[in-house]
Full PDB file with SEQRES, HELIX, SHEET, SSBOND, CRYST1, ORIGX, SCALE, CONECT and MASTER records, all heavy atoms in Angstrom:
SEQRES   1 A   36  THR VAL VAL GLN LEU GLN ALA ALA GLN ASP ALA PRO GLY          
SEQRES   2 A   36  PHE THR THR PHE PHE GLU PRO GLU GLY GLY GLU ARG PHE          
SEQRES   3 A   36  ILE ALA PRO GLY ASP HIS LEU THR VAL THR                      
SHEET    1 AA1 2 VAL A   3  GLN A   6  0                                        
SHEET    2 AA1 2 HIS A  32  VAL A  35 -1                                        
SHEET    1 AA2 2 PHE A  14  PHE A  18  0                                        
SHEET    2 AA2 2 GLY A  23  ILE A  27 -1                                        
CRYST1    1.000    1.000    1.000  90.00  90.00  90.00 P 1           1          
ORIGX1      1.000000  0.000000  0.000000        0.00000                         
ORIGX2      0.000000  1.000000  0.000000        0.00000                         
ORIGX3      0.000000  0.000000  1.000000        0.00000                         
SCALE1      1.000000  0.000000  0.000000        0.00000                         
SCALE2      0.000000  1.000000  0.000000        0.00000                         
SCALE3      0.000000  0.000000  1.000000        0.00000                         
ATOM      1  N   THR A   1      -3.828  13.390  -7.844  1.00  0.00           N  
ATOM      2  CA  THR A   1      -3.636  13.934  -6.506  1.00  0.00           C  
ATOM      3  C   THR A   1      -3.475  12.772  -5.544  1.00  0.00           C  
ATOM      4  O   THR A   1      -4.270  11.835  -5.557  1.00  0.00           O  
ATOM      5  CB  THR A   1      -4.839  14.807  -6.080  1.00  0.00           C  
ATOM      6  OG1 THR A   1      -5.009  15.844  -7.042  1.00  0.00           O  
ATOM      7  CG2 THR A   1      -4.619  15.415  -4.706  1.00  0.00           C  
ATOM      8  N   VAL A   2      -2.442  12.828  -4.710  1.00  0.00           N  
ATOM      9  CA  VAL A   2      -2.174  11.774  -3.738  1.00  0.00           C  
ATOM     10  C   VAL A   2      -2.321  12.355  -2.334  1.00  0.00           C  
ATOM     11  O   VAL A   2      -1.734  13.388  -2.015  1.00  0.00           O  
ATOM     12  CB  VAL A   2      -0.753  11.190  -3.918  1.00  0.00           C  
ATOM     13  CG1 VAL A   2      -0.477  10.125  -2.868  1.00  0.00           C  
ATOM     14  CG2 VAL A   2      -0.584  10.636  -5.324  1.00  0.00           C  
ATOM     15  N   VAL A   3      -3.130  11.690  -1.502  1.00  0.00           N  
ATOM     16  CA  VAL A   3      -3.350  12.106  -0.118  1.00  0.00           C  
ATOM     17  C   VAL A   3      -2.903  10.967   0.788  1.00  0.00           C  
ATOM     18  O   VAL A   3      -3.287   9.816   0.581  1.00  0.00           O  
ATOM     19  CB  VAL A   3      -4.841  12.433   0.144  1.00  0.00           C  
ATOM     20  CG1 VAL A   3      -5.055  12.837   1.593  1.00  0.00           C  
ATOM     21  CG2 VAL A   3      -5.330  13.516  -0.800  1.00  0.00           C  
ATOM     22  N   GLN A   4      -2.080  11.283   1.784  1.00  0.00           N  
ATOM     23  CA  GLN A   4      -1.611  10.299   2.760  1.00  0.00           C  
ATOM     24  C   GLN A   4      -2.400  10.481   4.062  1.00  0.00           C  
ATOM     25  O   GLN A   4      -2.398  11.581   4.613  1.00  0.00           O  
ATOM     26  CB  GLN A   4      -0.121  10.500   3.052  1.00  0.00           C  
ATOM     27  CG  GLN A   4       0.770  10.421   1.847  1.00  0.00           C  
ATOM     28  CD  GLN A   4       0.995   9.010   1.368  1.00  0.00           C  
ATOM     29  OE1 GLN A   4       0.968   8.072   2.139  1.00  0.00           O  
ATOM     30  NE2 GLN A   4       1.212   8.863   0.083  1.00  0.00           N  
ATOM     31  N   LEU A   5      -3.067   9.446   4.524  1.00  0.00           N  
ATOM     32  CA  LEU A   5      -3.743   9.462   5.825  1.00  0.00           C  
ATOM     33  C   LEU A   5      -2.927   8.577   6.751  1.00  0.00           C  
ATOM     34  O   LEU A   5      -2.760   7.386   6.491  1.00  0.00           O  
ATOM     35  CB  LEU A   5      -5.166   8.913   5.712  1.00  0.00           C  
ATOM     36  CG  LEU A   5      -6.132   9.671   4.829  1.00  0.00           C  
ATOM     37  CD1 LEU A   5      -7.468   8.952   4.777  1.00  0.00           C  
ATOM     38  CD2 LEU A   5      -6.314  11.087   5.327  1.00  0.00           C  
ATOM     39  N   GLN A   6      -2.409   9.160   7.823  1.00  0.00           N  
ATOM     40  CA  GLN A   6      -1.523   8.401   8.702  1.00  0.00           C  
ATOM     41  C   GLN A   6      -1.737   8.836  10.144  1.00  0.00           C  
ATOM     42  O   GLN A   6      -1.870  10.023  10.429  1.00  0.00           O  
ATOM     43  CB  GLN A   6      -0.080   8.636   8.290  1.00  0.00           C  
ATOM     44  CG  GLN A   6       0.904   7.766   9.016  1.00  0.00           C  
ATOM     45  CD  GLN A   6       2.291   7.870   8.400  1.00  0.00           C  
ATOM     46  OE1 GLN A   6       2.540   8.692   7.521  1.00  0.00           O  
ATOM     47  NE2 GLN A   6       3.188   7.045   8.866  1.00  0.00           N  
ATOM     48  N   ALA A   7      -1.786   7.864  11.039  1.00  0.00           N  
ATOM     49  CA  ALA A   7      -1.864   8.136  12.472  1.00  0.00           C  
ATOM     50  C   ALA A   7      -0.525   7.765  13.097  1.00  0.00           C  
ATOM     51  O   ALA A   7      -0.015   6.667  12.881  1.00  0.00           O  
ATOM     52  CB  ALA A   7      -2.991   7.339  13.119  1.00  0.00           C  
ATOM     53  N   ALA A   8       0.040   8.680  13.857  1.00  0.00           N  
ATOM     54  CA  ALA A   8       1.322   8.428  14.521  1.00  0.00           C  
ATOM     55  C   ALA A   8       1.185   7.298  15.538  1.00  0.00           C  
ATOM     56  O   ALA A   8       0.114   7.086  16.113  1.00  0.00           O  
ATOM     57  CB  ALA A   8       1.809   9.696  15.214  1.00  0.00           C  
ATOM     58  N   GLN A   9       2.279   6.570  15.756  1.00  0.00           N  
ATOM     59  CA  GLN A   9       2.283   5.444  16.707  1.00  0.00           C  
ATOM     60  C   GLN A   9       1.908   5.876  18.107  1.00  0.00           C  
ATOM     61  O   GLN A   9       1.281   5.125  18.840  1.00  0.00           O  
ATOM     62  CB  GLN A   9       3.665   4.785  16.734  1.00  0.00           C  
ATOM     63  CG  GLN A   9       3.968   3.949  15.539  1.00  0.00           C  
ATOM     64  CD  GLN A   9       3.225   2.612  15.534  1.00  0.00           C  
ATOM     65  OE1 GLN A   9       2.413   2.293  16.393  1.00  0.00           O  
ATOM     66  NE2 GLN A   9       3.491   1.819  14.527  1.00  0.00           N  
ATOM     67  N   ASP A  10       2.312   7.074  18.516  1.00  0.00           N  
ATOM     68  CA  ASP A  10       2.121   7.498  19.901  1.00  0.00           C  
ATOM     69  C   ASP A  10       0.909   8.424  20.079  1.00  0.00           C  
ATOM     70  O   ASP A  10       0.783   9.085  21.102  1.00  0.00           O  
ATOM     71  CB  ASP A  10       3.374   8.194  20.412  1.00  0.00           C  
ATOM     72  CG  ASP A  10       3.754   9.410  19.587  1.00  0.00           C  
ATOM     73  OD1 ASP A  10       3.198   9.593  18.486  1.00  0.00           O  
ATOM     74  OD2 ASP A  10       4.599  10.181  20.046  1.00  0.00           O  
ATOM     75  N   ALA A  11       0.020   8.468  19.086  1.00  0.00           N  
ATOM     76  CA  ALA A  11      -1.172   9.319  19.172  1.00  0.00           C  
ATOM     77  C   ALA A  11      -2.411   8.444  19.038  1.00  0.00           C  
ATOM     78  O   ALA A  11      -2.340   7.349  18.496  1.00  0.00           O  
ATOM     79  CB  ALA A  11      -1.143  10.370  18.075  1.00  0.00           C  
ATOM     80  N   PRO A  12      -3.541   8.928  19.536  1.00  0.00           N  
ATOM     81  CA  PRO A  12      -4.763   8.151  19.337  1.00  0.00           C  
ATOM     82  C   PRO A  12      -5.135   8.128  17.858  1.00  0.00           C  
ATOM     83  O   PRO A  12      -4.773   9.038  17.109  1.00  0.00           O  
ATOM     84  CB  PRO A  12      -5.805   8.917  20.152  1.00  0.00           C  
ATOM     85  CG  PRO A  12      -5.265  10.289  20.299  1.00  0.00           C  
ATOM     86  CD  PRO A  12      -3.763  10.158  20.266  1.00  0.00           C  
ATOM     87  N   GLY A  13      -5.825   7.106  17.447  1.00  0.00           N  
ATOM     88  CA  GLY A  13      -6.278   7.029  16.063  1.00  0.00           C  
ATOM     89  C   GLY A  13      -7.452   7.972  15.838  1.00  0.00           C  
ATOM     90  O   GLY A  13      -7.843   8.732  16.720  1.00  0.00           O  
ATOM     91  N   PHE A  14      -8.009   7.904  14.640  1.00  0.00           N  
ATOM     92  CA  PHE A  14      -9.155   8.747  14.305  1.00  0.00           C  
ATOM     93  C   PHE A  14     -10.029   8.033  13.283  1.00  0.00           C  
ATOM     94  O   PHE A  14      -9.571   7.182  12.543  1.00  0.00           O  
ATOM     95  CB  PHE A  14      -8.704  10.116  13.784  1.00  0.00           C  
ATOM     96  CG  PHE A  14      -7.808  10.058  12.568  1.00  0.00           C  
ATOM     97  CD1 PHE A  14      -8.332  10.132  11.293  1.00  0.00           C  
ATOM     98  CD2 PHE A  14      -6.432   9.928  12.714  1.00  0.00           C  
ATOM     99  CE1 PHE A  14      -7.512  10.076  10.184  1.00  0.00           C  
ATOM    100  CE2 PHE A  14      -5.601   9.880  11.611  1.00  0.00           C  
ATOM    101  CZ  PHE A  14      -6.145   9.960  10.337  1.00  0.00           C  
ATOM    102  N   THR A  15     -11.294   8.390  13.260  1.00  0.00           N  
ATOM    103  CA  THR A  15     -12.231   7.820  12.300  1.00  0.00           C  
ATOM    104  C   THR A  15     -12.288   8.723  11.081  1.00  0.00           C  
ATOM    105  O   THR A  15     -12.369   9.942  11.199  1.00  0.00           O  
ATOM    106  CB  THR A  15     -13.638   7.698  12.916  1.00  0.00           C  
ATOM    107  OG1 THR A  15     -13.554   6.830  14.049  1.00  0.00           O  
ATOM    108  CG2 THR A  15     -14.621   7.116  11.919  1.00  0.00           C  
ATOM    109  N   THR A  16     -12.244   8.113   9.899  1.00  0.00           N  
ATOM    110  CA  THR A  16     -12.370   8.855   8.658  1.00  0.00           C  
ATOM    111  C   THR A  16     -13.641   8.407   7.952  1.00  0.00           C  
ATOM    112  O   THR A  16     -13.875   7.215   7.789  1.00  0.00           O  
ATOM    113  CB  THR A  16     -11.157   8.610   7.738  1.00  0.00           C  
ATOM    114  OG1 THR A  16      -9.982   8.997   8.432  1.00  0.00           O  
ATOM    115  CG2 THR A  16     -11.268   9.403   6.451  1.00  0.00           C  
ATOM    116  N   PHE A  17     -14.460   9.373   7.565  1.00  0.00           N  
ATOM    117  CA  PHE A  17     -15.673   9.103   6.799  1.00  0.00           C  
ATOM    118  C   PHE A  17     -15.400   9.465   5.350  1.00  0.00           C  
ATOM    119  O   PHE A  17     -14.972  10.575   5.050  1.00  0.00           O  
ATOM    120  CB  PHE A  17     -16.851   9.915   7.341  1.00  0.00           C  
ATOM    121  CG  PHE A  17     -17.224   9.521   8.732  1.00  0.00           C  
ATOM    122  CD1 PHE A  17     -16.723  10.217   9.815  1.00  0.00           C  
ATOM    123  CD2 PHE A  17     -18.049   8.437   8.959  1.00  0.00           C  
ATOM    124  CE1 PHE A  17     -17.054   9.850  11.116  1.00  0.00           C  
ATOM    125  CE2 PHE A  17     -18.381   8.059  10.258  1.00  0.00           C  
ATOM    126  CZ  PHE A  17     -17.883   8.762  11.329  1.00  0.00           C  
ATOM    127  N   PHE A  18     -15.634   8.527   4.442  1.00  0.00           N  
ATOM    128  CA  PHE A  18     -15.385   8.722   3.026  1.00  0.00           C  
ATOM    129  C   PHE A  18     -16.709   9.074   2.356  1.00  0.00           C  
ATOM    130  O   PHE A  18     -17.573   8.216   2.164  1.00  0.00           O  
ATOM    131  CB  PHE A  18     -14.760   7.464   2.424  1.00  0.00           C  
ATOM    132  CG  PHE A  18     -13.370   7.210   2.946  1.00  0.00           C  
ATOM    133  CD1 PHE A  18     -13.163   6.578   4.159  1.00  0.00           C  
ATOM    134  CD2 PHE A  18     -12.268   7.630   2.219  1.00  0.00           C  
ATOM    135  CE1 PHE A  18     -11.877   6.364   4.642  1.00  0.00           C  
ATOM    136  CE2 PHE A  18     -10.984   7.409   2.694  1.00  0.00           C  
ATOM    137  CZ  PHE A  18     -10.789   6.780   3.906  1.00  0.00           C  
ATOM    138  N   GLU A  19     -16.868  10.345   2.053  1.00  0.00           N  
ATOM    139  CA  GLU A  19     -18.130  10.869   1.534  1.00  0.00           C  
ATOM    140  C   GLU A  19     -18.047  11.103   0.026  1.00  0.00           C  
ATOM    141  O   GLU A  19     -16.972  11.323  -0.497  1.00  0.00           O  
ATOM    142  CB  GLU A  19     -18.458  12.185   2.251  1.00  0.00           C  
ATOM    143  CG  GLU A  19     -18.554  12.083   3.757  1.00  0.00           C  
ATOM    144  CD  GLU A  19     -19.733  11.255   4.247  1.00  0.00           C  
ATOM    145  OE1 GLU A  19     -20.556  10.824   3.413  1.00  0.00           O  
ATOM    146  OE2 GLU A  19     -19.830  11.041   5.450  1.00  0.00           O  
ATOM    147  N   PRO A  20     -19.156  11.061  -0.699  1.00  0.00           N  
ATOM    148  CA  PRO A  20     -20.527  11.072  -0.231  1.00  0.00           C  
ATOM    149  C   PRO A  20     -21.116   9.690   0.048  1.00  0.00           C  
ATOM    150  O   PRO A  20     -22.238   9.588   0.527  1.00  0.00           O  
ATOM    151  CB  PRO A  20     -21.278  11.747  -1.384  1.00  0.00           C  
ATOM    152  CG  PRO A  20     -20.526  11.338  -2.595  1.00  0.00           C  
ATOM    153  CD  PRO A  20     -19.083  11.264  -2.156  1.00  0.00           C  
ATOM    154  N   GLU A  21     -20.378   8.610  -0.199  1.00  0.00           N  
ATOM    155  CA  GLU A  21     -20.939   7.279   0.001  1.00  0.00           C  
ATOM    156  C   GLU A  21     -21.101   6.898   1.468  1.00  0.00           C  
ATOM    157  O   GLU A  21     -21.902   6.058   1.810  1.00  0.00           O  
ATOM    158  CB  GLU A  21     -20.083   6.220  -0.707  1.00  0.00           C  
ATOM    159  CG  GLU A  21     -20.223   6.241  -2.212  1.00  0.00           C  
ATOM    160  CD  GLU A  21     -19.366   7.274  -2.898  1.00  0.00           C  
ATOM    161  OE1 GLU A  21     -18.728   8.100  -2.212  1.00  0.00           O  
ATOM    162  OE2 GLU A  21     -19.331   7.280  -4.139  1.00  0.00           O  
ATOM    163  N   GLY A  22     -20.299   7.487   2.340  1.00  0.00           N  
ATOM    164  CA  GLY A  22     -20.437   7.221   3.768  1.00  0.00           C  
ATOM    165  C   GLY A  22     -19.616   6.057   4.284  1.00  0.00           C  
ATOM    166  O   GLY A  22     -19.849   5.568   5.382  1.00  0.00           O  
ATOM    167  N   GLY A  23     -18.624   5.596   3.501  1.00  0.00           N  
ATOM    168  CA  GLY A  23     -17.735   4.565   4.005  1.00  0.00           C  
ATOM    169  C   GLY A  23     -16.999   5.083   5.233  1.00  0.00           C  
ATOM    170  O   GLY A  23     -16.739   6.268   5.362  1.00  0.00           O  
ATOM    171  N   GLU A  24     -16.665   4.189   6.145  1.00  0.00           N  
ATOM    172  CA  GLU A  24     -16.030   4.597   7.404  1.00  0.00           C  
ATOM    173  C   GLU A  24     -14.849   3.683   7.691  1.00  0.00           C  
ATOM    174  O   GLU A  24     -14.922   2.474   7.510  1.00  0.00           O  
ATOM    175  CB  GLU A  24     -17.060   4.497   8.518  1.00  0.00           C  
ATOM    176  CG  GLU A  24     -16.558   4.877   9.881  1.00  0.00           C  
ATOM    177  CD  GLU A  24     -17.655   4.754  10.937  1.00  0.00           C  
ATOM    178  OE1 GLU A  24     -18.839   4.924  10.614  1.00  0.00           O  
ATOM    179  OE2 GLU A  24     -17.305   4.465  12.089  1.00  0.00           O  
ATOM    180  N   ARG A  25     -13.753   4.287   8.148  1.00  0.00           N  
ATOM    181  CA  ARG A  25     -12.579   3.495   8.537  1.00  0.00           C  
ATOM    182  C   ARG A  25     -11.889   4.164   9.705  1.00  0.00           C  
ATOM    183  O   ARG A  25     -11.642   5.372   9.696  1.00  0.00           O  
ATOM    184  CB  ARG A  25     -11.609   3.375   7.370  1.00  0.00           C  
ATOM    185  CG  ARG A  25     -10.316   2.664   7.765  1.00  0.00           C  
ATOM    186  CD  ARG A  25      -9.827   1.796   6.733  1.00  0.00           C  
ATOM    187  NE  ARG A  25      -8.580   1.147   7.138  1.00  0.00           N  
ATOM    188  CZ  ARG A  25      -8.024   0.216   6.452  1.00  0.00           C  
ATOM    189  NH1 ARG A  25      -8.570  -0.195   5.347  1.00  0.00           N  
ATOM    190  NH2 ARG A  25      -6.904  -0.322   6.855  1.00  0.00           N  
ATOM    191  N   PHE A  26     -11.563   3.358  10.711  1.00  0.00           N  
ATOM    192  CA  PHE A  26     -10.781   3.852  11.838  1.00  0.00           C  
ATOM    193  C   PHE A  26      -9.313   3.751  11.452  1.00  0.00           C  
ATOM    194  O   PHE A  26      -8.834   2.697  11.046  1.00  0.00           O  
ATOM    195  CB  PHE A  26     -11.060   3.043  13.108  1.00  0.00           C  
ATOM    196  CG  PHE A  26     -10.307   3.560  14.299  1.00  0.00           C  
ATOM    197  CD1 PHE A  26     -10.688   4.739  14.912  1.00  0.00           C  
ATOM    198  CD2 PHE A  26      -9.202   2.880  14.775  1.00  0.00           C  
ATOM    199  CE1 PHE A  26      -9.982   5.236  16.003  1.00  0.00           C  
ATOM    200  CE2 PHE A  26      -8.492   3.362  15.865  1.00  0.00           C  
ATOM    201  CZ  PHE A  26      -8.886   4.538  16.476  1.00  0.00           C  
ATOM    202  N   ILE A  27      -8.607   4.856  11.548  1.00  0.00           N  
ATOM    203  CA  ILE A  27      -7.168   4.886  11.270  1.00  0.00           C  
ATOM    204  C   ILE A  27      -6.472   4.736  12.617  1.00  0.00           C  
ATOM    205  O   ILE A  27      -6.401   5.675  13.402  1.00  0.00           O  
ATOM    206  CB  ILE A  27      -6.753   6.200  10.578  1.00  0.00           C  
ATOM    207  CG1 ILE A  27      -7.642   6.528   9.378  1.00  0.00           C  
ATOM    208  CG2 ILE A  27      -5.286   6.164  10.181  1.00  0.00           C  
ATOM    209  CD1 ILE A  27      -7.564   5.550   8.233  1.00  0.00           C  
ATOM    210  N   ALA A  28      -6.016   3.536  12.898  1.00  0.00           N  
ATOM    211  CA  ALA A  28      -5.389   3.216  14.179  1.00  0.00           C  
ATOM    212  C   ALA A  28      -3.951   3.734  14.204  1.00  0.00           C  
ATOM    213  O   ALA A  28      -3.351   3.987  13.159  1.00  0.00           O  
ATOM    214  CB  ALA A  28      -5.413   1.706  14.405  1.00  0.00           C  
ATOM    215  N   PRO A  29      -3.384   3.897  15.408  1.00  0.00           N  
ATOM    216  CA  PRO A  29      -1.981   4.318  15.495  1.00  0.00           C  
ATOM    217  C   PRO A  29      -1.083   3.416  14.634  1.00  0.00           C  
ATOM    218  O   PRO A  29      -1.176   2.198  14.706  1.00  0.00           O  
ATOM    219  CB  PRO A  29      -1.661   4.170  16.979  1.00  0.00           C  
ATOM    220  CG  PRO A  29      -2.979   4.401  17.646  1.00  0.00           C  
ATOM    221  CD  PRO A  29      -3.990   3.740  16.732  1.00  0.00           C  
ATOM    222  N   GLY A  30      -0.284   4.038  13.789  1.00  0.00           N  
ATOM    223  CA  GLY A  30       0.608   3.299  12.897  1.00  0.00           C  
ATOM    224  C   GLY A  30       0.004   2.976  11.540  1.00  0.00           C  
ATOM    225  O   GLY A  30       0.721   2.566  10.637  1.00  0.00           O  
ATOM    226  N   ASP A  31      -1.319   3.130  11.389  1.00  0.00           N  
ATOM    227  CA  ASP A  31      -1.943   2.886  10.084  1.00  0.00           C  
ATOM    228  C   ASP A  31      -1.553   3.981   9.108  1.00  0.00           C  
ATOM    229  O   ASP A  31      -1.302   5.124   9.481  1.00  0.00           O  
ATOM    230  CB  ASP A  31      -3.472   2.847  10.190  1.00  0.00           C  
ATOM    231  CG  ASP A  31      -3.984   1.538  10.756  1.00  0.00           C  
ATOM    232  OD1 ASP A  31      -3.167   0.625  10.997  1.00  0.00           O  
ATOM    233  OD2 ASP A  31      -5.206   1.436  10.960  1.00  0.00           O  
ATOM    234  N   HIS A  32      -1.540   3.611   7.823  1.00  0.00           N  
ATOM    235  CA  HIS A  32      -1.131   4.551   6.782  1.00  0.00           C  
ATOM    236  C   HIS A  32      -1.859   4.166   5.495  1.00  0.00           C  
ATOM    237  O   HIS A  32      -1.611   3.098   4.946  1.00  0.00           O  
ATOM    238  CB  HIS A  32       0.380   4.442   6.609  1.00  0.00           C  
ATOM    239  CG  HIS A  32       0.938   5.360   5.583  1.00  0.00           C  
ATOM    240  ND1 HIS A  32       2.278   5.452   5.349  1.00  0.00           N  
ATOM    241  CD2 HIS A  32       0.378   6.222   4.728  1.00  0.00           C  
ATOM    242  CE1 HIS A  32       2.508   6.331   4.392  1.00  0.00           C  
ATOM    243  NE2 HIS A  32       1.352   6.796   3.996  1.00  0.00           N  
ATOM    244  N   LEU A  33      -2.776   5.028   5.048  1.00  0.00           N  
ATOM    245  CA  LEU A  33      -3.485   4.817   3.789  1.00  0.00           C  
ATOM    246  C   LEU A  33      -3.000   5.829   2.771  1.00  0.00           C  
ATOM    247  O   LEU A  33      -2.779   6.997   3.095  1.00  0.00           O  
ATOM    248  CB  LEU A  33      -4.997   4.999   3.955  1.00  0.00           C  
ATOM    249  CG  LEU A  33      -5.745   4.048   4.864  1.00  0.00           C  
ATOM    250  CD1 LEU A  33      -7.236   4.386   4.834  1.00  0.00           C  
ATOM    251  CD2 LEU A  33      -5.538   2.612   4.453  1.00  0.00           C  
ATOM    252  N   THR A  34      -2.856   5.394   1.535  1.00  0.00           N  
ATOM    253  CA  THR A  34      -2.549   6.284   0.428  1.00  0.00           C  
ATOM    254  C   THR A  34      -3.768   6.321  -0.477  1.00  0.00           C  
ATOM    255  O   THR A  34      -4.229   5.284  -0.942  1.00  0.00           O  
ATOM    256  CB  THR A  34      -1.332   5.786  -0.374  1.00  0.00           C  
ATOM    257  OG1 THR A  34      -0.203   5.751   0.493  1.00  0.00           O  
ATOM    258  CG2 THR A  34      -1.029   6.710  -1.542  1.00  0.00           C  
ATOM    259  N   VAL A  35      -4.302   7.521  -0.696  1.00  0.00           N  
ATOM    260  CA  VAL A  35      -5.479   7.700  -1.551  1.00  0.00           C  
ATOM    261  C   VAL A  35      -5.021   8.446  -2.795  1.00  0.00           C  
ATOM    262  O   VAL A  35      -4.463   9.544  -2.693  1.00  0.00           O  
ATOM    263  CB  VAL A  35      -6.582   8.494  -0.823  1.00  0.00           C  
ATOM    264  CG1 VAL A  35      -7.815   8.622  -1.709  1.00  0.00           C  
ATOM    265  CG2 VAL A  35      -6.929   7.853   0.514  1.00  0.00           C  
ATOM    266  N   THR A  36      -5.234   7.847  -3.965  1.00  0.00           N  
ATOM    267  CA  THR A  36      -4.825   8.454  -5.225  1.00  0.00           C  
ATOM    268  C   THR A  36      -6.058   8.748  -6.070  1.00  0.00           C  
ATOM    269  O   THR A  36      -6.862   7.850  -6.316  1.00  0.00           O  
ATOM    270  CB  THR A  36      -3.877   7.520  -6.004  1.00  0.00           C  
ATOM    271  OG1 THR A  36      -2.758   7.199  -5.174  1.00  0.00           O  
ATOM    272  CG2 THR A  36      -3.390   8.170  -7.278  1.00  0.00           C  
TER     273      THR A  36                                                      
MASTER        0    0    0    0    4    0    0    6  272    1    0    3          
END                                                                             
């Protein structure tokens, strides 16, 4: 399963919490993570 986390350039970013471990990452405008 592939999940794309992406924040548009012209929108505010968002914080993503990776559970259950509790890792945290701010997805800034223009950021793009691929989770497989």
